[in-house]
Protein backbone atom coordinates (compact mmCIF):
# COMPACT_ATOMS: atom_id res chain seq x y z
CA MET A 1 -60.47 18.11 21.32
CA LYS A 2 -64.18 18.96 21.75
CA ALA A 3 -66.02 17.79 24.86
CA VAL A 4 -68.73 18.65 27.36
CA ARG A 5 -67.12 19.49 30.69
CA VAL A 6 -68.37 20.25 34.19
CA HIS A 7 -66.43 22.80 36.26
CA SER A 8 -68.85 22.96 39.21
CA PHE A 9 -71.62 20.70 40.46
CA GLY A 10 -75.20 21.78 39.81
CA GLY A 11 -78.06 21.67 37.32
CA PRO A 12 -77.93 21.22 33.53
CA GLU A 13 -76.52 24.72 33.18
CA VAL A 14 -73.10 23.52 34.45
CA LEU A 15 -72.63 21.43 31.29
CA LYS A 16 -70.33 23.44 29.04
CA VAL A 17 -69.31 22.57 25.47
CA GLU A 18 -65.60 23.29 25.05
CA SER A 19 -63.48 22.94 21.93
CA ASP A 20 -60.01 23.32 23.46
CA VAL A 21 -59.91 20.38 25.88
CA PRO A 22 -56.42 18.79 25.96
CA ILE A 23 -56.19 15.30 24.46
CA PRO A 24 -55.47 12.79 27.27
CA ILE A 25 -52.02 11.24 27.45
CA HIS A 26 -52.20 7.46 27.81
CA SER A 27 -49.80 5.47 29.97
CA GLU A 28 -47.93 2.27 29.08
CA THR A 29 -50.86 0.19 30.37
CA GLN A 30 -53.63 2.19 28.67
CA VAL A 31 -55.10 2.81 25.26
CA LEU A 32 -56.27 6.11 23.78
CA VAL A 33 -59.73 5.88 22.18
CA ARG A 34 -61.24 8.38 19.77
CA VAL A 35 -64.89 8.29 20.86
CA GLY A 36 -67.38 7.79 18.05
CA SER A 37 -70.50 7.64 20.20
CA ALA A 38 -71.05 8.21 23.90
CA GLY A 39 -73.91 8.24 26.36
CA VAL A 40 -74.77 9.05 29.94
CA ASN A 41 -76.71 7.02 32.49
CA PRO A 42 -79.16 8.23 35.17
CA VAL A 43 -76.37 8.04 37.74
CA ASP A 44 -74.49 10.73 35.77
CA THR A 45 -77.25 13.14 36.79
CA TYR A 46 -76.51 12.51 40.48
CA ILE A 47 -72.78 12.99 39.85
CA ARG A 48 -73.37 16.25 37.96
CA MET A 49 -75.42 17.59 40.89
CA GLY A 50 -72.76 16.55 43.41
CA LEU A 51 -75.08 14.06 45.10
CA PHE A 52 -73.09 10.88 44.42
CA ALA A 53 -70.98 9.36 47.19
CA GLN A 54 -67.86 9.23 45.01
CA LEU A 55 -67.37 12.41 42.96
CA PRO A 56 -64.82 13.07 40.21
CA THR A 57 -62.20 15.79 40.41
CA LEU A 58 -63.38 18.99 38.75
CA PRO A 59 -63.40 19.71 35.89
CA TYR A 60 -64.57 16.39 34.49
CA ILE A 61 -66.21 15.01 31.33
CA PRO A 62 -69.51 13.16 32.08
CA GLY A 63 -70.44 9.84 30.54
CA ARG A 64 -68.76 6.47 30.94
CA ASP A 65 -70.44 4.45 28.17
CA GLY A 66 -69.23 4.65 24.62
CA SER A 67 -67.52 3.14 21.63
CA GLY A 68 -64.85 4.37 19.27
CA THR A 69 -61.56 3.78 17.49
CA ILE A 70 -58.32 2.94 19.26
CA GLU A 71 -55.83 5.66 18.34
CA LYS A 72 -52.78 4.70 20.41
CA VAL A 73 -51.78 1.65 22.43
CA GLY A 74 -49.47 1.58 25.45
CA SER A 75 -46.30 -0.50 25.22
CA GLN A 76 -47.49 -2.97 27.88
CA VAL A 77 -50.87 -3.59 26.29
CA GLU A 78 -50.53 -6.98 24.64
CA THR A 79 -54.11 -7.96 23.80
CA LEU A 80 -57.38 -6.07 23.52
CA LYS A 81 -60.77 -7.67 23.97
CA ALA A 82 -63.76 -5.86 22.50
CA MET A 83 -66.68 -5.34 24.87
CA GLY A 84 -69.05 -3.37 22.60
CA LEU A 85 -70.93 -0.45 24.17
CA PHE A 86 -69.77 -0.85 27.73
CA SER A 87 -67.81 1.10 30.30
CA LEU A 88 -64.76 2.62 28.64
CA VAL A 89 -62.89 2.39 31.94
CA GLY A 90 -61.47 -1.05 32.52
CA ILE A 91 -62.22 -2.69 29.16
CA VAL A 92 -58.55 -3.46 28.61
CA VAL A 93 -56.44 -5.81 30.67
CA SER A 94 -52.91 -4.73 29.83
CA SER A 95 -49.63 -6.16 31.20
CA LYS A 96 -48.10 -9.47 30.31
CA LYS A 97 -48.68 -12.54 32.43
CA ALA A 98 -45.91 -14.75 33.72
CA ASP A 99 -47.22 -17.79 31.83
CA ASP A 100 -47.53 -15.69 28.64
CA SER A 101 -51.28 -16.36 28.48
CA VAL A 102 -53.63 -13.90 26.82
CA PRO A 103 -54.94 -11.10 29.08
CA SER A 104 -58.72 -10.85 29.20
CA VAL A 105 -61.56 -8.92 30.78
CA SER A 106 -62.96 -10.83 33.75
CA ILE A 107 -65.06 -10.52 36.88
CA MET A 108 -63.07 -9.55 39.95
CA GLY A 109 -62.35 -12.77 41.84
CA GLY A 110 -64.92 -14.65 39.80
CA THR A 111 -65.07 -17.99 38.01
CA PRO A 112 -66.87 -18.70 34.71
CA ALA A 113 -70.52 -19.67 35.08
CA ALA A 114 -71.72 -22.81 33.36
CA ALA A 115 -74.60 -22.63 30.90
CA GLY A 116 -77.85 -22.76 32.87
CA GLU A 117 -76.12 -22.41 36.26
CA PHE A 118 -77.85 -19.10 37.04
CA PRO A 119 -80.76 -19.02 34.58
CA TYR A 120 -82.69 -16.36 36.52
CA LEU A 121 -79.97 -13.73 35.98
CA ALA A 122 -81.05 -11.13 33.43
CA ALA A 123 -79.10 -8.89 31.07
CA LEU A 124 -81.04 -5.68 30.50
CA SER A 125 -80.62 -3.61 27.35
CA LEU A 126 -82.14 -0.28 28.39
CA ASP A 127 -81.76 1.98 25.35
CA TRP A 128 -78.84 4.05 26.74
CA ALA A 129 -77.55 1.65 29.38
CA PHE A 130 -76.67 -1.94 30.12
CA CYS A 131 -77.68 -3.28 33.53
CA GLY A 132 -78.27 -6.53 35.34
CA GLY A 133 -81.43 -7.88 36.91
CA SER A 134 -83.07 -10.95 38.43
CA LEU A 135 -86.15 -12.85 37.30
CA ILE A 136 -88.30 -12.92 40.46
CA GLY A 137 -91.53 -14.05 38.78
CA PRO A 138 -92.58 -15.28 35.32
CA SER A 139 -93.36 -11.70 34.25
CA HIS A 140 -91.17 -9.63 36.59
CA VAL A 141 -87.49 -8.65 36.77
CA LEU A 142 -85.97 -6.78 39.71
CA THR A 143 -83.22 -4.24 39.02
CA ALA A 144 -81.87 -0.87 40.21
CA LYS A 145 -84.03 2.24 39.90
CA HIS A 146 -81.18 4.31 38.45
CA CYS A 147 -81.06 1.97 35.44
CA LEU A 148 -84.59 3.02 34.47
CA SER A 149 -85.73 6.21 32.77
CA ASP A 150 -88.23 8.51 34.44
CA ASN A 151 -90.12 8.46 31.13
CA GLN A 152 -92.43 5.44 30.85
CA SER A 153 -92.47 5.68 27.04
CA TYR A 154 -88.95 4.20 26.99
CA ALA A 155 -90.34 0.83 28.14
CA SER A 156 -90.97 -0.19 24.53
CA THR A 157 -87.24 0.20 23.77
CA TYR A 158 -86.11 -2.07 26.60
CA SER A 159 -85.30 -5.77 26.22
CA VAL A 160 -84.47 -8.48 28.73
CA HIS A 161 -82.24 -11.52 28.13
CA VAL A 162 -82.72 -14.32 30.68
CA ASN A 163 -80.57 -17.47 30.97
CA THR A 164 -77.67 -16.03 29.00
CA LEU A 165 -73.90 -15.98 29.27
CA ALA A 166 -73.49 -12.94 27.01
CA ASP A 167 -74.13 -9.23 27.39
CA TYR A 168 -76.12 -8.70 24.19
CA ALA A 169 -75.77 -11.86 22.11
CA ILE A 170 -78.23 -14.75 22.19
CA THR A 171 -76.66 -17.97 23.45
CA PRO A 172 -78.25 -21.45 23.54
CA GLY A 173 -81.21 -21.38 25.93
CA THR A 174 -81.47 -17.58 26.05
CA VAL A 175 -84.99 -16.21 26.54
CA VAL A 176 -85.62 -12.69 25.19
CA ARG A 177 -88.58 -10.60 26.29
CA GLY A 178 -89.81 -7.07 25.69
CA VAL A 179 -90.87 -4.80 28.54
CA LYS A 180 -94.49 -3.78 29.02
CA LYS A 181 -93.81 -1.19 31.73
CA PHE A 182 -91.46 -0.45 34.59
CA ILE A 183 -91.99 0.73 38.15
CA ARG A 184 -89.49 2.88 40.07
CA HIS A 185 -89.44 2.95 43.87
CA PRO A 186 -90.21 6.52 44.98
CA THR A 187 -87.17 6.94 47.25
CA ASN A 188 -84.79 3.97 46.98
CA ASP A 189 -82.58 2.53 44.23
CA ILE A 190 -84.83 -0.38 43.31
CA GLY A 191 -87.07 -0.94 40.31
CA LEU A 192 -89.34 -3.54 38.74
CA LEU A 193 -89.76 -4.49 35.07
CA VAL A 194 -93.05 -5.98 33.87
CA LEU A 195 -92.46 -8.22 30.84
CA LYS A 196 -94.71 -8.31 27.79
CA GLN A 197 -94.70 -12.10 27.82
CA ALA A 198 -94.14 -14.47 30.73
CA VAL A 199 -90.98 -16.59 30.97
CA THR A 200 -92.33 -20.08 31.56
CA ASN A 201 -89.22 -22.24 31.20
CA VAL A 202 -86.94 -20.54 33.75
CA LYS A 203 -87.46 -20.84 37.51
CA PRO A 204 -87.39 -17.40 39.19
CA ILE A 205 -85.00 -16.76 42.07
CA PRO A 206 -86.71 -16.74 45.51
CA LEU A 207 -87.05 -13.50 47.44
CA PRO A 208 -85.26 -13.25 50.78
CA SER A 209 -85.76 -14.81 54.14
CA PRO A 210 -83.63 -13.87 57.20
CA LEU A 211 -80.13 -14.79 56.00
CA PRO A 212 -76.67 -13.30 56.54
CA LEU A 213 -75.50 -11.00 53.75
CA THR A 214 -72.12 -11.35 52.05
CA THR A 215 -70.95 -9.09 49.24
CA THR A 216 -68.36 -8.92 46.49
CA PRO A 217 -66.80 -5.88 44.78
CA LYS A 218 -69.05 -4.10 42.28
CA ASN A 219 -67.92 -3.80 38.66
CA GLN A 220 -69.04 -1.21 36.13
CA GLY A 221 -72.13 -2.49 34.32
CA ASP A 222 -73.28 -4.54 37.35
CA SER A 223 -76.03 -2.09 38.35
CA GLY A 224 -79.27 -3.88 39.14
CA GLY A 225 -77.60 -7.29 39.38
CA PRO A 226 -78.22 -9.58 42.35
CA ILE A 227 -76.54 -10.39 45.63
CA MET A 228 -77.46 -13.98 46.48
CA VAL A 229 -77.08 -16.08 49.62
CA ASN A 230 -77.76 -19.81 49.34
CA GLY A 231 -79.72 -19.30 46.13
CA VAL A 232 -81.92 -16.53 47.55
CA LEU A 233 -81.99 -12.95 46.25
CA VAL A 234 -81.08 -10.63 49.16
CA GLY A 235 -79.75 -7.47 47.48
CA VAL A 236 -79.61 -5.37 44.30
CA THR A 237 -76.35 -3.79 43.13
CA SER A 238 -76.60 0.00 43.40
CA TRP A 239 -73.18 1.61 42.91
CA GLY A 240 -69.52 1.42 43.80
CA GLY A 241 -66.04 2.61 42.91
CA THR A 242 -65.00 3.37 39.36
CA VAL A 243 -62.25 0.71 39.55
CA CYS A 244 -63.41 -2.88 39.95
CA GLY A 245 -62.38 -4.41 43.27
CA ASP A 246 -60.81 -1.20 44.61
CA PRO A 247 -60.22 -1.93 48.32
CA ASN A 248 -60.54 1.79 49.11
CA HIS A 249 -64.15 2.03 47.91
CA ALA A 250 -67.04 -0.15 49.02
CA GLY A 251 -69.67 -1.65 46.77
CA VAL A 252 -73.16 -0.44 47.73
CA TYR A 253 -76.24 -2.66 47.54
CA VAL A 254 -79.94 -2.24 48.30
CA ARG A 255 -81.14 -4.80 50.85
CA ILE A 256 -84.31 -6.36 49.45
CA ARG A 257 -86.03 -7.46 52.65
CA PRO A 258 -87.45 -4.02 53.65
CA PHE A 259 -89.08 -3.75 50.20
CA ILE A 260 -90.77 -7.16 50.00
CA ASP A 261 -94.25 -5.67 50.46
CA TRP A 262 -93.59 -3.04 47.78
CA ILE A 263 -92.28 -5.69 45.37
CA LYS A 264 -95.13 -8.13 45.93
CA THR A 265 -97.81 -5.43 45.77
CA ASN A 266 -96.52 -4.11 42.45
CA MET A 267 -96.18 -7.63 41.06
CA ALA A 268 -99.78 -8.36 42.00
CA ASN A 269 -101.05 -5.05 40.57
CA ASN A 270 -99.05 -5.50 37.36
CA PRO A 271 -99.34 -9.19 36.41
CA GLY A 272 -97.86 -8.76 32.93
């Protein structure tokens, strides 16, 4: 098959187009997907340069977002659940359950949220990526810096869904806003979106006060999402292992408290 592969870490020159890459062999609990479209996220740049904490075995094929056609299905894969353009790793829960119920994609150790339970959570459609965020003011959403382009012109392509239970779809009560501009912290993985129109019917999540921090495993697609303690935003999801809930790899989060002045200053200077 044809693919772009990386044989050594470095700049863009290490990306090599190859036409003789072996087709992967799927296991009994996997599916083989013929990729129709694929993309890379800002974090892929760090991986390519060898600067990410968890690096793939060389050679590797960059890009974890994509969609395509299922070519082959493992014998233990009973049900597939479509996730749209999302991480290709982990979209299928294969293996039969003892009670013969339908396998599904779910949050590691999570329970379903009720409509309106966390209205300040934001789903961010960022042209090439899907990330999470938190409404921290009527016109401001906090997310991870690596979710955002270094080109400000992309702001017009971004959209924010607040008070939603879906990745891309509009559910009852969902508020959709365009993005006027975004601000990237100069050194840390934290960023701020300025909305074109204020969200007036959703109460923003408070910024932190001195509280203990507890965390949960990071899942692919969680980047920019919140860590909350007693209803207060205390952290932003940065990165973690490639397998959700892997006990051998920690989830990494940006603690918000050291950046309160930066957040508030940029909110004041960019009122929306």
